[in-house]
Amino acid sequence: MDNKNKPAMPSEFEYKEGNTTIHEINTGITKLEHFAGMAMQGLLSDSETGAFSNKKLVSCGVDIAELLIKELEGRKNES
């Protein structure tokens, strides 16, 4: 699985049902979805982008998220 499709904030937990221990992982939204939502939030807060169509805002949000993930992956590989 590539980095952008990994969970943004996974959580693991265990609980018992009778004599059985159940281990679950909640993956939630992906890193790409999380970063795209944050980018769109920023774009929507700027009065200059108010004239953008919804489709353009969504496209820009995803583009920004993908660029951020690519940049972070590059920096991770440098260290």
Protein backbone atom coordinates (compact mmCIF):
# COMPACT_ATOMS: atom_id res chain seq x y z
CA MET A 1 0.00 0.00 0.00
CA ASP A 2 1.43 3.37 -0.91
CA ASN A 3 1.78 6.06 1.75
CA LYS A 4 -1.14 8.25 0.63
CA ASN A 5 -3.56 5.36 1.14
CA LYS A 6 -2.31 4.46 4.61
CA PRO A 7 -4.54 5.44 7.53
CA ALA A 8 -4.16 8.99 8.80
CA MET A 9 -4.83 8.12 12.44
CA PRO A 10 -5.16 4.37 12.94
CA SER A 11 -6.14 2.98 16.31
CA GLU A 12 -5.84 -0.53 17.68
CA PHE A 13 -7.74 -2.08 20.52
CA GLU A 14 -8.50 -5.43 22.08
CA TYR A 15 -11.51 -6.61 24.00
CA LYS A 16 -12.92 -9.87 25.24
CA GLU A 17 -16.11 -11.57 24.23
CA GLY A 18 -16.44 -14.51 26.55
CA ASN A 19 -13.20 -16.48 26.32
CA THR A 20 -12.19 -14.90 23.01
CA THR A 21 -9.86 -11.91 22.75
CA ILE A 22 -10.74 -9.76 19.76
CA HIS A 23 -8.09 -7.50 18.22
CA GLU A 24 -9.38 -4.76 15.95
CA ILE A 25 -7.73 -2.02 13.93
CA ASN A 26 -9.76 1.03 13.03
CA THR A 27 -8.18 2.60 9.96
CA GLY A 28 -10.49 5.56 9.43
CA ILE A 29 -9.66 7.96 6.61
CA THR A 30 -6.50 7.86 4.53
CA LYS A 31 -3.67 10.36 4.70
CA LEU A 32 -4.69 11.66 1.28
CA GLU A 33 -8.29 12.21 2.40
CA HIS A 34 -7.16 13.92 5.60
CA PHE A 35 -4.70 16.27 3.91
CA ALA A 36 -7.12 17.04 1.06
CA GLY A 37 -9.82 17.98 3.57
CA MET A 38 -7.41 20.25 5.42
CA ALA A 39 -6.31 21.88 2.16
CA MET A 40 -9.92 22.45 1.11
CA GLN A 41 -10.68 23.97 4.50
CA GLY A 42 -7.86 26.45 3.97
CA LEU A 43 -8.98 27.22 0.42
CA LEU A 44 -12.57 27.80 1.55
CA SER A 45 -11.43 30.22 4.27
CA ASP A 46 -9.79 32.48 1.65
CA SER A 47 -12.18 34.99 0.09
CA GLU A 48 -10.11 34.95 -3.13
CA THR A 49 -11.03 31.31 -3.82
CA GLY A 50 -14.73 31.95 -3.28
CA ALA A 51 -15.22 32.28 -7.03
CA PHE A 52 -13.86 28.75 -7.65
CA SER A 53 -16.36 26.07 -8.58
CA ASN A 54 -16.82 23.19 -6.15
CA LYS A 55 -15.11 20.87 -8.62
CA LYS A 56 -12.09 23.21 -8.84
CA LEU A 57 -11.85 23.43 -5.01
CA VAL A 58 -11.92 19.65 -4.68
CA SER A 59 -9.34 19.22 -7.43
CA CYS A 60 -7.02 21.80 -5.83
CA GLY A 61 -7.42 20.17 -2.41
CA VAL A 62 -6.41 16.76 -3.74
CA ASP A 63 -3.53 18.24 -5.76
CA ILE A 64 -2.18 20.02 -2.67
CA ALA A 65 -2.50 16.84 -0.58
CA GLU A 66 -0.68 14.75 -3.17
CA LEU A 67 2.14 17.32 -3.41
CA LEU A 68 2.48 17.40 0.37
CA ILE A 69 2.66 13.61 0.64
CA LYS A 70 5.24 13.46 -2.18
CA GLU A 71 7.37 16.13 -0.48
CA LEU A 72 7.18 14.37 2.89
CA GLU A 73 8.13 11.04 1.32
CA GLY A 74 11.16 12.68 -0.34
CA ARG A 75 12.33 14.18 2.95
CA LYS A 76 11.84 10.86 4.74
CA ASN A 77 14.03 9.11 2.16
CA GLU A 78 16.76 11.76 2.56
CA SER A 79 17.25 11.07 6.27
